Amino acid sequence: MSLKHRTNTSYNLAAVVLIRELRNQDKQVYRRQQDDLPAHVKVNAYFESQGHGNPNTGYYVNTLSKEHIPIKFVQANDTYFWVQLHWKNNSWTTNQGGIIQTSSHLSW
């Protein structure tokens, strides 16, 4: 899968997850196991490795109130965005309410 940045530079982001639609119902997602996103997508998101296969390995962002939030970069509804993740029933989930508005902390 190839994404085009505003400067028309192509990036190969094979790990971008395609979710057909993101609705209010929770959707199970799997976290990235390697730091594979370009800097212009990550901005202030950072990757933490807890070991390959560990469910806590993945991208995070810190909020202004110093919260450590697990996040994932996804494609849904024909749009790319970051979503906040929640740990439920031994898996990571997200839904439409987890969409993070693009800001100076996270971009795309």
N, C-alpha and C. Protein backbone atom coordinates (compact mmCIF):
# COMPACT_ATOMS: atom_id res chain seq x y z
N MET A 1 0.86 -1.16 0.00
CA MET A 1 0.00 0.00 0.00
C MET A 1 0.91 1.22 0.00
N SER A 2 0.60 2.19 -0.78
CA SER A 2 1.40 3.39 -0.86
C SER A 2 0.55 4.60 -0.49
N LEU A 3 1.08 5.44 0.36
CA LEU A 3 0.39 6.66 0.74
C LEU A 3 1.13 7.83 0.15
N LYS A 4 0.43 8.86 -0.20
CA LYS A 4 1.09 10.04 -0.75
C LYS A 4 0.96 11.19 0.24
N HIS A 5 2.09 11.74 0.59
CA HIS A 5 2.14 12.91 1.45
C HIS A 5 1.84 14.14 0.59
N ARG A 6 1.53 15.22 1.21
CA ARG A 6 1.15 16.44 0.49
C ARG A 6 2.21 16.92 -0.51
N THR A 7 3.46 16.50 -0.33
CA THR A 7 4.51 16.92 -1.26
C THR A 7 4.64 15.95 -2.42
N ASN A 8 3.69 15.00 -2.52
CA ASN A 8 3.69 13.97 -3.55
C ASN A 8 4.83 12.98 -3.40
N THR A 9 5.42 12.89 -2.24
CA THR A 9 6.43 11.88 -1.95
C THR A 9 5.69 10.62 -1.53
N SER A 10 6.05 9.48 -2.11
CA SER A 10 5.38 8.23 -1.77
C SER A 10 6.10 7.54 -0.63
N TYR A 11 5.34 6.92 0.24
CA TYR A 11 5.87 6.14 1.34
C TYR A 11 5.20 4.78 1.32
N ASN A 12 5.97 3.75 1.53
CA ASN A 12 5.41 2.42 1.60
C ASN A 12 5.07 2.11 3.05
N LEU A 13 3.80 2.06 3.36
CA LEU A 13 3.34 1.80 4.71
C LEU A 13 2.54 0.51 4.71
N ALA A 14 3.23 -0.59 4.54
CA ALA A 14 2.57 -1.88 4.43
C ALA A 14 1.78 -2.22 5.68
N ALA A 15 2.11 -1.61 6.81
CA ALA A 15 1.46 -1.97 8.06
C ALA A 15 0.24 -1.13 8.37
N VAL A 16 -0.17 -0.23 7.48
CA VAL A 16 -1.38 0.55 7.72
C VAL A 16 -2.58 -0.40 7.67
N VAL A 17 -3.39 -0.35 8.71
CA VAL A 17 -4.53 -1.24 8.82
C VAL A 17 -5.73 -0.64 8.10
N LEU A 18 -6.34 -1.42 7.25
CA LEU A 18 -7.54 -0.99 6.55
C LEU A 18 -8.75 -1.52 7.31
N ILE A 19 -9.55 -0.59 7.80
CA ILE A 19 -10.81 -0.93 8.45
C ILE A 19 -11.90 -0.40 7.54
N ARG A 20 -12.76 -1.27 7.08
CA ARG A 20 -13.78 -0.86 6.11
C ARG A 20 -14.56 0.36 6.60
N GLU A 21 -15.07 0.29 7.79
CA GLU A 21 -15.79 1.41 8.39
C GLU A 21 -15.50 1.43 9.88
N LEU A 22 -15.39 2.61 10.44
CA LEU A 22 -15.20 2.76 11.87
C LEU A 22 -16.48 3.35 12.42
N ARG A 23 -17.16 2.58 13.26
CA ARG A 23 -18.45 2.99 13.80
C ARG A 23 -18.37 3.05 15.31
N ASN A 24 -19.50 3.24 15.96
CA ASN A 24 -19.54 3.29 17.42
C ASN A 24 -19.27 1.94 18.07
N GLN A 25 -19.49 0.87 17.34
CA GLN A 25 -19.23 -0.47 17.86
C GLN A 25 -17.72 -0.72 17.89
N ASP A 26 -17.22 -1.34 18.97
CA ASP A 26 -15.79 -1.62 19.09
C ASP A 26 -15.31 -2.54 17.98
N LYS A 27 -14.11 -2.23 17.48
CA LYS A 27 -13.47 -3.02 16.43
C LYS A 27 -12.12 -3.48 16.97
N GLN A 28 -11.84 -4.77 16.92
CA GLN A 28 -10.56 -5.29 17.38
C GLN A 28 -9.47 -4.91 16.39
N VAL A 29 -8.33 -4.47 16.90
CA VAL A 29 -7.18 -4.13 16.07
C VAL A 29 -5.93 -4.75 16.68
N TYR A 30 -4.92 -4.91 15.87
CA TYR A 30 -3.63 -5.44 16.32
C TYR A 30 -2.60 -4.32 16.25
N ARG A 31 -1.77 -4.24 17.26
CA ARG A 31 -0.77 -3.17 17.33
C ARG A 31 0.44 -3.50 16.48
N ARG A 32 1.07 -2.46 15.97
CA ARG A 32 2.30 -2.61 15.21
C ARG A 32 3.38 -3.19 16.11
N GLN A 33 4.22 -4.02 15.54
CA GLN A 33 5.31 -4.63 16.28
C GLN A 33 6.66 -4.03 15.94
N GLN A 34 6.66 -3.03 15.05
CA GLN A 34 7.90 -2.33 14.71
C GLN A 34 7.60 -0.88 14.38
N ASP A 35 8.60 -0.05 14.56
CA ASP A 35 8.48 1.39 14.29
C ASP A 35 8.65 1.59 12.78
N ASP A 36 7.53 1.64 12.05
CA ASP A 36 7.61 1.68 10.59
C ASP A 36 6.89 2.86 9.95
N LEU A 37 6.54 3.87 10.73
CA LEU A 37 5.88 5.04 10.15
C LEU A 37 6.87 6.18 9.96
N PRO A 38 6.74 6.95 8.88
CA PRO A 38 7.65 8.08 8.66
C PRO A 38 7.38 9.21 9.65
N ALA A 39 8.37 10.05 9.84
CA ALA A 39 8.31 11.13 10.83
C ALA A 39 7.14 12.08 10.60
N HIS A 40 6.79 12.37 9.34
CA HIS A 40 5.69 13.32 9.10
C HIS A 40 4.34 12.76 9.53
N VAL A 41 4.22 11.45 9.70
CA VAL A 41 2.99 10.85 10.20
C VAL A 41 3.02 10.80 11.72
N LYS A 42 4.17 10.46 12.29
CA LYS A 42 4.29 10.30 13.74
C LYS A 42 4.23 11.61 14.50
N VAL A 43 4.91 12.62 14.06
CA VAL A 43 5.06 13.90 14.77
C VAL A 43 5.46 13.60 16.21
N ASN A 44 4.56 13.65 17.18
CA ASN A 44 4.91 13.38 18.58
C ASN A 44 4.52 11.97 19.04
N ALA A 45 4.01 11.16 18.15
CA ALA A 45 3.76 9.76 18.50
C ALA A 45 5.12 9.08 18.61
N TYR A 46 5.24 8.14 19.52
CA TYR A 46 6.50 7.43 19.67
C TYR A 46 6.23 5.95 19.85
N PHE A 47 7.21 5.16 19.46
CA PHE A 47 7.08 3.72 19.50
C PHE A 47 7.76 3.17 20.74
N GLU A 48 7.06 2.25 21.42
CA GLU A 48 7.64 1.55 22.57
C GLU A 48 7.60 0.06 22.30
N SER A 49 8.77 -0.57 22.40
CA SER A 49 8.84 -2.01 22.23
C SER A 49 8.90 -2.68 23.60
N GLN A 50 7.98 -3.59 23.81
CA GLN A 50 7.96 -4.40 25.03
C GLN A 50 8.37 -5.83 24.69
N GLY A 51 8.88 -6.01 23.49
CA GLY A 51 9.25 -7.34 22.99
C GLY A 51 8.26 -7.77 21.92
N HIS A 52 8.77 -8.42 20.88
CA HIS A 52 7.92 -8.85 19.77
C HIS A 52 6.81 -9.76 20.28
N GLY A 53 5.60 -9.48 19.88
CA GLY A 53 4.44 -10.26 20.29
C GLY A 53 3.78 -9.77 21.56
N ASN A 54 4.42 -8.85 22.26
CA ASN A 54 3.81 -8.30 23.48
C ASN A 54 2.69 -7.36 23.07
N PRO A 55 1.49 -7.49 23.64
CA PRO A 55 0.37 -6.64 23.23
C PRO A 55 0.57 -5.16 23.54
N ASN A 56 1.52 -4.81 24.41
CA ASN A 56 1.76 -3.40 24.72
C ASN A 56 2.79 -2.75 23.82
N THR A 57 3.40 -3.50 22.92
CA THR A 57 4.31 -2.93 21.93
C THR A 57 3.48 -2.14 20.94
N GLY A 58 3.91 -0.91 20.63
CA GLY A 58 3.18 -0.11 19.65
C GLY A 58 3.41 1.38 19.86
N TYR A 59 2.61 2.18 19.19
CA TYR A 59 2.74 3.64 19.26
C TYR A 59 1.92 4.20 20.41
N TYR A 60 2.45 5.29 20.99
CA TYR A 60 1.81 6.01 22.08
C TYR A 60 1.95 7.50 21.84
N VAL A 61 1.15 8.27 22.54
CA VAL A 61 1.29 9.72 22.58
C VAL A 61 1.00 10.15 24.01
N ASN A 62 1.69 11.19 24.44
CA ASN A 62 1.42 11.75 25.76
C ASN A 62 0.54 12.97 25.59
N THR A 63 -0.47 13.09 26.43
CA THR A 63 -1.36 14.25 26.39
C THR A 63 -0.76 15.37 27.23
N LEU A 64 -1.36 16.55 27.15
CA LEU A 64 -0.89 17.68 27.95
C LEU A 64 -0.97 17.39 29.44
N SER A 65 -1.90 16.53 29.83
CA SER A 65 -2.03 16.16 31.23
C SER A 65 -1.15 14.95 31.58
N LYS A 66 -0.19 14.65 30.71
CA LYS A 66 0.80 13.59 30.93
C LYS A 66 0.23 12.18 30.88
N GLU A 67 -0.93 12.01 30.24
CA GLU A 67 -1.47 10.67 30.06
C GLU A 67 -0.69 9.96 28.94
N HIS A 68 -0.44 8.70 29.12
CA HIS A 68 0.29 7.84 28.19
C HIS A 68 -0.78 7.05 27.42
N ILE A 69 -1.11 7.48 26.19
CA ILE A 69 -2.25 6.94 25.44
C ILE A 69 -1.77 6.00 24.33
N PRO A 70 -2.26 4.76 24.30
CA PRO A 70 -1.94 3.86 23.19
C PRO A 70 -2.74 4.27 21.95
N ILE A 71 -2.06 4.33 20.81
CA ILE A 71 -2.70 4.79 19.58
C ILE A 71 -2.30 3.90 18.40
N LYS A 72 -3.03 4.03 17.31
CA LYS A 72 -2.74 3.29 16.08
C LYS A 72 -3.13 4.15 14.88
N PHE A 73 -2.33 4.08 13.83
CA PHE A 73 -2.60 4.79 12.58
C PHE A 73 -3.36 3.83 11.67
N VAL A 74 -4.57 4.21 11.26
CA VAL A 74 -5.42 3.32 10.47
C VAL A 74 -6.01 4.04 9.27
N GLN A 75 -6.53 3.25 8.34
CA GLN A 75 -7.34 3.77 7.25
C GLN A 75 -8.74 3.23 7.44
N ALA A 76 -9.71 4.11 7.51
CA ALA A 76 -11.11 3.71 7.62
C ALA A 76 -11.96 4.76 6.93
N ASN A 77 -13.07 4.32 6.37
CA ASN A 77 -13.98 5.26 5.69
C ASN A 77 -13.22 6.10 4.66
N ASP A 78 -12.25 5.49 3.96
CA ASP A 78 -11.44 6.16 2.93
C ASP A 78 -10.61 7.31 3.45
N THR A 79 -10.28 7.30 4.73
CA THR A 79 -9.49 8.37 5.35
C THR A 79 -8.43 7.74 6.26
N TYR A 80 -7.29 8.42 6.38
CA TYR A 80 -6.24 7.98 7.30
C TYR A 80 -6.30 8.83 8.55
N PHE A 81 -6.18 8.18 9.72
CA PHE A 81 -6.14 8.94 10.96
C PHE A 81 -5.61 8.08 12.10
N TRP A 82 -5.29 8.75 13.20
CA TRP A 82 -4.89 8.09 14.43
C TRP A 82 -6.13 7.81 15.26
N VAL A 83 -6.12 6.66 15.94
CA VAL A 83 -7.20 6.33 16.85
C VAL A 83 -6.62 5.93 18.21
N GLN A 84 -7.36 6.24 19.25
CA GLN A 84 -6.99 5.81 20.58
C GLN A 84 -7.44 4.37 20.77
N LEU A 85 -6.63 3.59 21.46
CA LEU A 85 -6.95 2.19 21.69
C LEU A 85 -7.34 1.95 23.13
N HIS A 86 -8.17 0.92 23.32
CA HIS A 86 -8.60 0.51 24.65
C HIS A 86 -8.40 -1.00 24.78
N TRP A 87 -7.94 -1.43 25.94
CA TRP A 87 -7.72 -2.86 26.20
C TRP A 87 -9.01 -3.44 26.78
N LYS A 88 -9.65 -4.33 26.02
CA LYS A 88 -10.91 -4.96 26.45
C LYS A 88 -10.87 -6.44 26.11
N ASN A 89 -11.23 -7.26 27.07
CA ASN A 89 -11.31 -8.71 26.84
C ASN A 89 -10.05 -9.27 26.19
N ASN A 90 -8.89 -8.88 26.72
CA ASN A 90 -7.59 -9.36 26.24
C ASN A 90 -7.28 -9.02 24.80
N SER A 91 -7.78 -7.89 24.32
CA SER A 91 -7.42 -7.43 22.97
C SER A 91 -7.56 -5.90 22.90
N TRP A 92 -6.89 -5.32 21.94
CA TRP A 92 -6.98 -3.87 21.71
C TRP A 92 -8.18 -3.59 20.81
N THR A 93 -8.96 -2.58 21.17
CA THR A 93 -10.12 -2.19 20.37
C THR A 93 -10.14 -0.68 20.19
N THR A 94 -10.90 -0.26 19.20
CA THR A 94 -11.17 1.16 18.99
C THR A 94 -12.54 1.27 18.36
N ASN A 95 -13.03 2.49 18.27
CA ASN A 95 -14.30 2.76 17.60
C ASN A 95 -14.29 4.21 17.12
N GLN A 96 -15.39 4.66 16.58
CA GLN A 96 -15.47 6.01 16.01
C GLN A 96 -15.13 7.08 17.06
N GLY A 97 -15.48 6.84 18.31
CA GLY A 97 -15.17 7.78 19.37
C GLY A 97 -13.69 7.87 19.68
N GLY A 98 -12.89 6.92 19.19
CA GLY A 98 -11.45 6.92 19.43
C GLY A 98 -10.65 7.74 18.43
N ILE A 99 -11.32 8.31 17.42
CA ILE A 99 -10.60 9.11 16.42
C ILE A 99 -9.98 10.33 17.08
N ILE A 100 -8.70 10.51 16.84
CA ILE A 100 -7.97 11.65 17.39
C ILE A 100 -7.90 12.73 16.33
N GLN A 101 -8.36 13.91 16.67
CA GLN A 101 -8.32 15.02 15.72
C GLN A 101 -6.86 15.40 15.43
N THR A 102 -6.54 15.63 14.17
CA THR A 102 -5.19 16.02 13.79
C THR A 102 -4.83 17.34 14.48
N SER A 103 -3.62 17.36 15.03
CA SER A 103 -3.15 18.55 15.74
C SER A 103 -1.66 18.67 15.54
N SER A 104 -1.03 19.54 16.28
CA SER A 104 0.41 19.67 16.21
C SER A 104 1.10 18.47 16.85
N HIS A 105 0.36 17.66 17.63
CA HIS A 105 0.95 16.49 18.29
C HIS A 105 0.93 15.26 17.39
N LEU A 106 -0.10 15.13 16.58
CA LEU A 106 -0.22 14.02 15.63
C LEU A 106 -0.65 14.60 14.30
N SER A 107 -0.15 14.01 13.23
CA SER A 107 -0.43 14.58 11.94
C SER A 107 -0.81 13.51 10.95
N TRP A 108 -1.08 13.94 9.80
CA TRP A 108 -1.15 13.19 8.57
C TRP A 108 -1.61 14.09 7.50
